[in-house]
Amino acid sequence: MVQNDIVEAEGVADMIRLWGHDVDVVQPGSQMHGLMQKTDYAVVLMDIEFPVFLSCHTVSELKHLRPEVKIITLTALTSPESETLIRSLGIIYYLSKPFEPDELKTVLSHIADPDKP
């Protein structure tokens, strides 16, 4: 999970751990680079926030380091323009804040086991 607000991220990460997933929480930057280079993550969960161009840069870095990684975003940016921008970055799923935990759980379960209905 890539998030500027580590306290908020740990709350979401704890919930995801209860669902049986392994989660690392990092801020954008060098720590993210190090983990992405040595760990084969299936999914990156990240917050798209202001300034949006910094989040776009982080997505580009993630895709450069691991082109196959699936990115899910949690965001308070809910305008149609924001959603279009986010989807154009190659993010596979867009969740608006506040989000329903069951929706995130379903998305993560599907990615973890895509053959399961």
C-alpha atoms as a PDB file:
ATOM      1  CA  MET A   1       0.000   0.000   0.000  1.00  0.00           C
ATOM      2  CA  VAL A   2       1.455   3.337  -1.092  1.00  0.00           C
ATOM      3  CA  GLN A   3       0.092   6.213   0.944  1.00  0.00           C
ATOM      4  CA  ASN A   4       1.361   9.529   2.274  1.00  0.00           C
ATOM      5  CA  ASP A   5      -0.669   9.217   5.488  1.00  0.00           C
ATOM      6  CA  ILE A   6       0.844   6.138   7.168  1.00  0.00           C
ATOM      7  CA  VAL A   7      -1.623   6.201  10.095  1.00  0.00           C
ATOM      8  CA  GLU A   8      -4.626   6.084   7.742  1.00  0.00           C
ATOM      9  CA  ALA A   9      -2.925   3.439   5.609  1.00  0.00           C
ATOM     10  CA  GLU A  10      -2.228   1.182   8.601  1.00  0.00           C
ATOM     11  CA  GLY A  11      -5.940   1.186   9.459  1.00  0.00           C
ATOM     12  CA  VAL A  12      -6.836  -0.040   5.968  1.00  0.00           C
ATOM     13  CA  ALA A  13      -3.869  -2.453   5.968  1.00  0.00           C
ATOM     14  CA  ASP A  14      -5.017  -4.013   9.259  1.00  0.00           C
ATOM     15  CA  MET A  15      -8.439  -4.666   7.737  1.00  0.00           C
ATOM     16  CA  ILE A  16      -6.861  -6.265   4.653  1.00  0.00           C
ATOM     17  CA  ARG A  17      -4.633  -8.444   6.854  1.00  0.00           C
ATOM     18  CA  LEU A  18      -7.754  -9.731   8.623  1.00  0.00           C
ATOM     19  CA  TRP A  19      -8.927 -10.932   5.207  1.00  0.00           C
ATOM     20  CA  GLY A  20      -5.778 -13.052   4.891  1.00  0.00           C
ATOM     21  CA  HIS A  21      -3.613 -10.852   2.665  1.00  0.00           C
ATOM     22  CA  ASP A  22      -0.040  -9.754   3.316  1.00  0.00           C
ATOM     23  CA  VAL A  23       0.365  -5.975   3.291  1.00  0.00           C
ATOM     24  CA  ASP A  24       3.333  -3.609   3.371  1.00  0.00           C
ATOM     25  CA  VAL A  25       2.706   0.103   3.898  1.00  0.00           C
ATOM     26  CA  VAL A  26       5.092   2.658   2.419  1.00  0.00           C
ATOM     27  CA  GLN A  27       5.179   6.285   1.421  1.00  0.00           C
ATOM     28  CA  PRO A  28       5.947   7.220  -2.183  1.00  0.00           C
ATOM     29  CA  GLY A  29       9.659   7.568  -2.833  1.00  0.00           C
ATOM     30  CA  SER A  30      12.775   5.585  -2.071  1.00  0.00           C
ATOM     31  CA  GLN A  31      11.158   3.113   0.336  1.00  0.00           C
ATOM     32  CA  MET A  32       8.553   2.273  -2.311  1.00  0.00           C
ATOM     33  CA  HIS A  33      11.303   1.811  -4.914  1.00  0.00           C
ATOM     34  CA  GLY A  34      13.245  -0.549  -2.666  1.00  0.00           C
ATOM     35  CA  LEU A  35      10.269  -2.755  -1.878  1.00  0.00           C
ATOM     36  CA  MET A  36       9.040  -2.846  -5.478  1.00  0.00           C
ATOM     37  CA  GLN A  37      12.480  -3.939  -6.673  1.00  0.00           C
ATOM     38  CA  LYS A  38      12.778  -6.831  -4.227  1.00  0.00           C
ATOM     39  CA  THR A  39       9.156  -7.944  -3.738  1.00  0.00           C
ATOM     40  CA  ASP A  40       6.824  -9.359  -6.359  1.00  0.00           C
ATOM     41  CA  TYR A  41       3.547  -7.672  -5.425  1.00  0.00           C
ATOM     42  CA  ALA A  42       0.341  -8.730  -7.170  1.00  0.00           C
ATOM     43  CA  VAL A  43      -1.477  -5.516  -6.238  1.00  0.00           C
ATOM     44  CA  VAL A  44      -0.628  -1.990  -5.168  1.00  0.00           C
ATOM     45  CA  LEU A  45      -3.300  -0.059  -3.332  1.00  0.00           C
ATOM     46  CA  MET A  46      -2.704   3.665  -3.372  1.00  0.00           C
ATOM     47  CA  ASP A  47      -4.367   6.970  -2.719  1.00  0.00           C
ATOM     48  CA  ILE A  48      -4.641   9.440  -5.570  1.00  0.00           C
ATOM     49  CA  GLU A  49      -4.661  12.870  -3.977  1.00  0.00           C
ATOM     50  CA  PHE A  50      -3.652  16.457  -4.490  1.00  0.00           C
ATOM     51  CA  PRO A  51      -1.397  17.387  -6.025  1.00  0.00           C
ATOM     52  CA  VAL A  52      -2.583  14.899  -8.633  1.00  0.00           C
ATOM     53  CA  PHE A  53       0.593  15.225 -10.723  1.00  0.00           C
ATOM     54  CA  LEU A  54       2.610  13.690  -7.851  1.00  0.00           C
ATOM     55  CA  SER A  55       0.247  10.721  -7.706  1.00  0.00           C
ATOM     56  CA  CYS A  56       0.488  10.372 -11.499  1.00  0.00           C
ATOM     57  CA  HIS A  57       4.276  10.340 -11.191  1.00  0.00           C
ATOM     58  CA  THR A  58       4.067   7.613  -8.527  1.00  0.00           C
ATOM     59  CA  VAL A  59       1.853   5.477 -10.784  1.00  0.00           C
ATOM     60  CA  SER A  60       4.338   5.914 -13.637  1.00  0.00           C
ATOM     61  CA  GLU A  61       7.193   4.855 -11.343  1.00  0.00           C
ATOM     62  CA  LEU A  62       5.258   1.782 -10.202  1.00  0.00           C
ATOM     63  CA  LYS A  63       4.485   0.780 -13.795  1.00  0.00           C
ATOM     64  CA  HIS A  64       8.146   1.282 -14.752  1.00  0.00           C
ATOM     65  CA  LEU A  65       9.370  -0.887 -11.863  1.00  0.00           C
ATOM     66  CA  ARG A  66       6.695  -3.583 -12.250  1.00  0.00           C
ATOM     67  CA  PRO A  67       4.725  -3.288 -15.512  1.00  0.00           C
ATOM     68  CA  GLU A  68       2.526  -6.254 -14.567  1.00  0.00           C
ATOM     69  CA  VAL A  69       1.415  -4.901 -11.185  1.00  0.00           C
ATOM     70  CA  LYS A  70      -2.278  -4.181 -10.747  1.00  0.00           C
ATOM     71  CA  ILE A  71      -3.033  -0.831  -9.130  1.00  0.00           C
ATOM     72  CA  ILE A  72      -6.182  -0.066  -7.169  1.00  0.00           C
ATOM     73  CA  THR A  73      -6.829   3.472  -6.028  1.00  0.00           C
ATOM     74  CA  LEU A  74      -8.690   4.871  -3.074  1.00  0.00           C
ATOM     75  CA  THR A  75      -9.468   8.516  -3.630  1.00  0.00           C
ATOM     76  CA  ALA A  76     -11.575  11.436  -2.534  1.00  0.00           C
ATOM     77  CA  LEU A  77     -11.304  12.836  -6.080  1.00  0.00           C
ATOM     78  CA  THR A  78     -14.730  12.055  -7.478  1.00  0.00           C
ATOM     79  CA  SER A  79     -15.183  14.288 -10.500  1.00  0.00           C
ATOM     80  CA  PRO A  80     -15.635  12.648 -13.912  1.00  0.00           C
ATOM     81  CA  GLU A  81     -12.391  14.343 -15.024  1.00  0.00           C
ATOM     82  CA  SER A  82     -10.491  12.813 -12.103  1.00  0.00           C
ATOM     83  CA  GLU A  83     -11.864   9.354 -12.836  1.00  0.00           C
ATOM     84  CA  THR A  84     -10.922   9.691 -16.514  1.00  0.00           C
ATOM     85  CA  LEU A  85      -7.394  10.743 -15.561  1.00  0.00           C
ATOM     86  CA  ILE A  86      -7.017   7.929 -13.044  1.00  0.00           C
ATOM     87  CA  ARG A  87      -8.240   5.298 -15.498  1.00  0.00           C
ATOM     88  CA  SER A  88      -5.940   6.642 -18.224  1.00  0.00           C
ATOM     89  CA  LEU A  89      -2.982   5.816 -15.961  1.00  0.00           C
ATOM     90  CA  GLY A  90      -3.749   2.105 -16.154  1.00  0.00           C
ATOM     91  CA  ILE A  91      -5.289   1.773 -12.724  1.00  0.00           C
ATOM     92  CA  ILE A  92      -7.548  -1.274 -12.778  1.00  0.00           C
ATOM     93  CA  TYR A  93     -10.005  -0.294 -10.056  1.00  0.00           C
ATOM     94  CA  TYR A  94     -11.135   3.042  -8.658  1.00  0.00           C
ATOM     95  CA  LEU A  95     -12.743   3.275  -5.212  1.00  0.00           C
ATOM     96  CA  SER A  96     -14.143   6.577  -3.996  1.00  0.00           C
ATOM     97  CA  LYS A  97     -13.680   7.560  -0.350  1.00  0.00           C
ATOM     98  CA  PRO A  98     -15.404   6.811   1.844  1.00  0.00           C
ATOM     99  CA  PHE A  99     -15.446   3.278   0.458  1.00  0.00           C
ATOM    100  CA  GLU A 100     -17.275   0.154   1.551  1.00  0.00           C
ATOM    101  CA  PRO A 101     -14.851  -2.410   2.982  1.00  0.00           C
ATOM    102  CA  ASP A 102     -16.801  -5.243   1.335  1.00  0.00           C
ATOM    103  CA  GLU A 103     -16.209  -3.675  -2.075  1.00  0.00           C
ATOM    104  CA  LEU A 104     -12.452  -3.572  -1.489  1.00  0.00           C
ATOM    105  CA  LYS A 105     -12.528  -7.129  -0.133  1.00  0.00           C
ATOM    106  CA  THR A 106     -14.332  -8.358  -3.265  1.00  0.00           C
ATOM    107  CA  VAL A 107     -11.871  -6.622  -5.586  1.00  0.00           C
ATOM    108  CA  LEU A 108      -8.839  -7.983  -3.721  1.00  0.00           C
ATOM    109  CA  SER A 109     -10.303 -11.502  -3.635  1.00  0.00           C
ATOM    110  CA  HIS A 110     -10.944 -11.410  -7.371  1.00  0.00           C
ATOM    111  CA  ILE A 111      -7.389 -10.276  -8.115  1.00  0.00           C
ATOM    112  CA  ALA A 112      -5.927 -12.876  -5.740  1.00  0.00           C
ATOM    113  CA  ASP A 113      -7.974 -15.668  -7.372  1.00  0.00           C
ATOM    114  CA  PRO A 114      -9.256 -14.507 -10.795  1.00  0.00           C
ATOM    115  CA  ASP A 115     -10.723 -17.942 -11.638  1.00  0.00           C
ATOM    116  CA  LYS A 116     -13.061 -17.817  -8.657  1.00  0.00           C
ATOM    117  CA  PRO A 117     -16.536 -16.506  -9.557  1.00  0.00           C
END
